[in-house]
């Protein structure tokens, strides 16, 4: 079952936003209320997960183009 990320929708400008995760079936409707507090919530769309296997791991798809500047902290450029 996928784990979905939600965040509260503040009713006041200075109210903090709380993020939490919920394990749900893909067939379940997205939550509209926090399961514990009842506050209004929205589902957050975040990046997915990609796993490359075998020869695919050495393709250029796993590395940014050489013209991309990632900074000195990355190890993607030889």
N, C-alpha and C. Protein backbone atom coordinates (compact mmCIF):
# COMPACT_ATOMS: atom_id res chain seq x y z
N UNK A 1 0.84 -1.18 0.00
CA UNK A 1 0.00 0.00 0.00
C UNK A 1 0.88 1.24 0.00
N UNK A 2 0.52 2.24 -0.80
CA UNK A 2 1.31 3.47 -0.84
C UNK A 2 1.16 4.29 0.44
N UNK A 3 2.15 5.11 0.70
CA UNK A 3 2.12 6.04 1.82
C UNK A 3 1.96 7.44 1.23
N UNK A 4 0.90 8.13 1.65
CA UNK A 4 0.62 9.47 1.13
C UNK A 4 0.99 10.52 2.16
N UNK A 5 1.48 11.65 1.66
CA UNK A 5 1.86 12.79 2.50
C UNK A 5 0.72 13.80 2.49
N UNK A 6 0.33 14.24 3.67
CA UNK A 6 -0.73 15.25 3.83
C UNK A 6 -0.19 16.41 4.64
N UNK A 7 -0.85 17.57 4.51
CA UNK A 7 -0.55 18.70 5.39
C UNK A 7 -1.84 19.39 5.78
N UNK A 8 -1.81 19.97 6.99
CA UNK A 8 -2.99 20.69 7.46
C UNK A 8 -3.11 22.01 6.72
N UNK A 9 -4.33 22.48 6.59
CA UNK A 9 -4.59 23.77 5.96
C UNK A 9 -4.92 24.74 7.09
N UNK A 10 -4.01 25.67 7.39
CA UNK A 10 -4.22 26.57 8.53
C UNK A 10 -5.45 27.46 8.33
N UNK A 11 -6.20 27.63 9.41
CA UNK A 11 -7.37 28.52 9.35
C UNK A 11 -6.98 29.95 9.73
N UNK A 12 -5.82 30.10 10.35
CA UNK A 12 -5.30 31.42 10.71
C UNK A 12 -3.91 31.59 10.12
N UNK A 13 -3.52 32.82 9.74
CA UNK A 13 -2.22 33.05 9.10
C UNK A 13 -1.01 32.61 9.92
N UNK A 14 -1.07 32.72 11.24
CA UNK A 14 0.09 32.37 12.07
C UNK A 14 0.04 30.93 12.58
N UNK A 15 -0.93 30.16 12.15
CA UNK A 15 -1.07 28.77 12.59
C UNK A 15 -0.06 27.89 11.84
N UNK A 16 0.67 27.03 12.57
CA UNK A 16 1.66 26.19 11.90
C UNK A 16 1.01 25.12 11.02
N UNK A 17 1.75 24.69 9.99
CA UNK A 17 1.32 23.62 9.12
C UNK A 17 1.94 22.32 9.63
N UNK A 18 1.12 21.30 9.77
CA UNK A 18 1.62 19.99 10.21
C UNK A 18 1.58 19.03 9.03
N UNK A 19 2.69 18.35 8.78
CA UNK A 19 2.74 17.33 7.73
C UNK A 19 2.75 15.96 8.39
N UNK A 20 2.04 15.01 7.76
CA UNK A 20 2.00 13.66 8.27
C UNK A 20 1.77 12.69 7.13
N UNK A 21 2.11 11.43 7.36
CA UNK A 21 1.96 10.40 6.35
C UNK A 21 0.86 9.41 6.75
N UNK A 22 0.17 8.89 5.72
CA UNK A 22 -0.89 7.92 5.95
C UNK A 22 -0.75 6.80 4.92
N UNK A 23 -0.79 5.56 5.39
CA UNK A 23 -0.76 4.42 4.48
C UNK A 23 -2.20 4.16 4.05
N UNK A 24 -2.45 4.26 2.73
CA UNK A 24 -3.79 4.09 2.19
C UNK A 24 -3.74 3.26 0.92
N UNK A 25 -4.83 2.58 0.62
CA UNK A 25 -4.98 1.91 -0.65
C UNK A 25 -5.12 2.96 -1.74
N UNK A 26 -4.69 2.61 -2.95
CA UNK A 26 -4.83 3.55 -4.06
C UNK A 26 -6.30 3.81 -4.39
N UNK A 27 -7.19 2.91 -3.96
CA UNK A 27 -8.62 3.06 -4.23
C UNK A 27 -9.34 3.93 -3.21
N UNK A 28 -8.67 4.22 -2.08
CA UNK A 28 -9.30 5.04 -1.05
C UNK A 28 -9.34 6.51 -1.46
N UNK A 29 -10.36 7.19 -1.05
CA UNK A 29 -10.48 8.62 -1.29
C UNK A 29 -9.47 9.37 -0.43
N UNK A 30 -8.90 10.44 -0.97
CA UNK A 30 -7.95 11.26 -0.21
C UNK A 30 -8.63 11.82 1.03
N UNK A 31 -7.87 11.94 2.11
CA UNK A 31 -8.41 12.52 3.34
C UNK A 31 -8.76 13.99 3.13
N UNK A 32 -9.77 14.46 3.81
CA UNK A 32 -10.10 15.89 3.81
C UNK A 32 -9.95 16.47 5.21
N UNK A 33 -9.85 15.59 6.23
CA UNK A 33 -9.70 15.99 7.63
C UNK A 33 -8.58 15.18 8.28
N UNK A 34 -7.87 15.81 9.20
CA UNK A 34 -6.82 15.14 9.97
C UNK A 34 -7.48 14.04 10.80
N UNK A 35 -6.94 12.81 10.77
CA UNK A 35 -7.60 11.72 11.49
C UNK A 35 -7.68 11.91 13.00
N UNK A 36 -6.77 12.69 13.60
CA UNK A 36 -6.78 12.88 15.06
C UNK A 36 -7.41 14.19 15.49
N UNK A 37 -7.13 15.28 14.75
CA UNK A 37 -7.57 16.60 15.20
C UNK A 37 -8.82 17.11 14.47
N UNK A 38 -9.11 16.55 13.30
CA UNK A 38 -10.27 17.02 12.54
C UNK A 38 -10.01 18.25 11.70
N UNK A 39 -8.75 18.76 11.73
CA UNK A 39 -8.41 19.93 10.91
C UNK A 39 -8.50 19.58 9.43
N UNK A 40 -8.77 20.59 8.60
CA UNK A 40 -8.79 20.39 7.15
C UNK A 40 -7.37 20.07 6.67
N UNK A 41 -7.26 19.11 5.74
CA UNK A 41 -5.96 18.71 5.20
C UNK A 41 -6.03 18.59 3.68
N UNK A 42 -4.85 18.59 3.06
CA UNK A 42 -4.73 18.35 1.62
C UNK A 42 -3.60 17.36 1.40
N UNK A 43 -3.72 16.57 0.33
CA UNK A 43 -2.68 15.61 -0.03
C UNK A 43 -1.58 16.36 -0.77
N UNK A 44 -0.35 16.05 -0.44
CA UNK A 44 0.81 16.67 -1.07
C UNK A 44 1.36 15.71 -2.12
N UNK A 45 1.59 16.21 -3.31
CA UNK A 45 2.20 15.42 -4.36
C UNK A 45 3.71 15.63 -4.27
N UNK A 46 4.44 14.53 -4.13
CA UNK A 46 5.89 14.63 -4.03
C UNK A 46 6.53 13.72 -5.08
N UNK A 47 7.84 13.79 -5.20
CA UNK A 47 8.57 13.00 -6.18
C UNK A 47 8.41 11.51 -5.95
N UNK A 48 8.56 10.77 -7.01
CA UNK A 48 8.44 9.32 -6.93
C UNK A 48 9.78 8.66 -6.67
N UNK A 49 9.80 7.36 -6.77
CA UNK A 49 11.00 6.58 -6.52
C UNK A 49 11.32 5.81 -7.78
N UNK A 50 12.56 5.86 -8.23
CA UNK A 50 12.97 5.17 -9.43
C UNK A 50 14.14 4.25 -9.09
N UNK A 51 14.00 2.99 -9.43
CA UNK A 51 15.09 2.04 -9.19
C UNK A 51 15.51 1.46 -10.53
N UNK A 52 16.77 1.63 -10.86
CA UNK A 52 17.31 1.09 -12.10
C UNK A 52 17.99 -0.24 -11.81
N UNK A 53 17.84 -1.18 -12.73
CA UNK A 53 18.43 -2.50 -12.54
C UNK A 53 19.38 -2.82 -13.68
N UNK A 54 20.40 -3.64 -13.40
CA UNK A 54 21.30 -4.14 -14.43
C UNK A 54 21.99 -3.05 -15.20
N UNK A 55 22.03 -3.18 -16.54
CA UNK A 55 22.74 -2.24 -17.40
C UNK A 55 22.11 -0.85 -17.38
N UNK A 56 20.84 -0.76 -17.03
CA UNK A 56 20.17 0.54 -16.99
C UNK A 56 20.83 1.49 -16.00
N UNK A 57 21.45 0.95 -14.95
CA UNK A 57 22.05 1.78 -13.91
C UNK A 57 23.23 2.59 -14.42
N UNK A 58 23.82 2.18 -15.52
CA UNK A 58 24.98 2.90 -16.03
C UNK A 58 24.63 3.84 -17.17
N UNK A 59 23.36 3.98 -17.51
CA UNK A 59 22.96 4.86 -18.60
C UNK A 59 22.99 6.30 -18.15
N UNK A 60 22.93 7.19 -19.11
CA UNK A 60 22.96 8.62 -18.80
C UNK A 60 21.69 9.07 -18.09
N UNK A 61 20.65 8.24 -18.09
CA UNK A 61 19.40 8.61 -17.41
C UNK A 61 19.61 8.73 -15.91
N UNK A 62 20.62 8.06 -15.38
CA UNK A 62 20.85 8.13 -13.94
C UNK A 62 21.74 9.29 -13.54
N UNK A 63 22.29 10.02 -14.51
CA UNK A 63 23.16 11.15 -14.22
C UNK A 63 22.67 12.38 -14.98
N UNK A 64 22.81 13.56 -14.41
CA UNK A 64 22.43 14.76 -15.16
C UNK A 64 23.43 15.01 -16.27
N UNK A 65 23.05 15.76 -17.30
CA UNK A 65 23.98 16.07 -18.38
C UNK A 65 25.22 16.78 -17.83
N UNK A 66 26.34 16.61 -18.52
CA UNK A 66 27.60 17.19 -18.03
C UNK A 66 27.56 18.71 -17.98
N UNK A 67 26.63 19.32 -18.70
CA UNK A 67 26.53 20.78 -18.68
C UNK A 67 25.82 21.29 -17.42
N UNK A 68 25.20 20.37 -16.66
CA UNK A 68 24.50 20.76 -15.46
C UNK A 68 25.49 21.02 -14.33
N UNK A 69 25.33 22.10 -13.65
CA UNK A 69 26.21 22.41 -12.53
C UNK A 69 25.54 21.99 -11.24
N UNK A 70 26.05 20.92 -10.64
CA UNK A 70 25.47 20.39 -9.40
C UNK A 70 26.22 20.90 -8.18
N UNK A 71 27.30 21.59 -8.39
CA UNK A 71 28.10 22.05 -7.26
C UNK A 71 29.19 21.05 -6.94
N UNK A 72 30.06 21.41 -6.04
CA UNK A 72 31.21 20.57 -5.74
C UNK A 72 30.87 19.41 -4.82
N UNK A 73 29.70 19.41 -4.20
CA UNK A 73 29.35 18.37 -3.23
C UNK A 73 28.84 17.10 -3.90
N UNK A 74 28.47 17.16 -5.17
CA UNK A 74 27.92 15.97 -5.81
C UNK A 74 29.03 15.09 -6.37
N UNK A 75 28.67 13.85 -6.63
CA UNK A 75 29.64 12.90 -7.18
C UNK A 75 29.18 12.39 -8.54
N UNK A 76 28.32 13.14 -9.21
CA UNK A 76 27.78 12.65 -10.48
C UNK A 76 28.67 12.99 -11.67
N UNK A 77 29.68 13.85 -11.48
CA UNK A 77 30.59 14.19 -12.58
C UNK A 77 31.99 13.68 -12.25
N UNK A 78 32.61 12.95 -13.19
CA UNK A 78 33.96 12.43 -12.91
C UNK A 78 35.00 13.53 -12.83
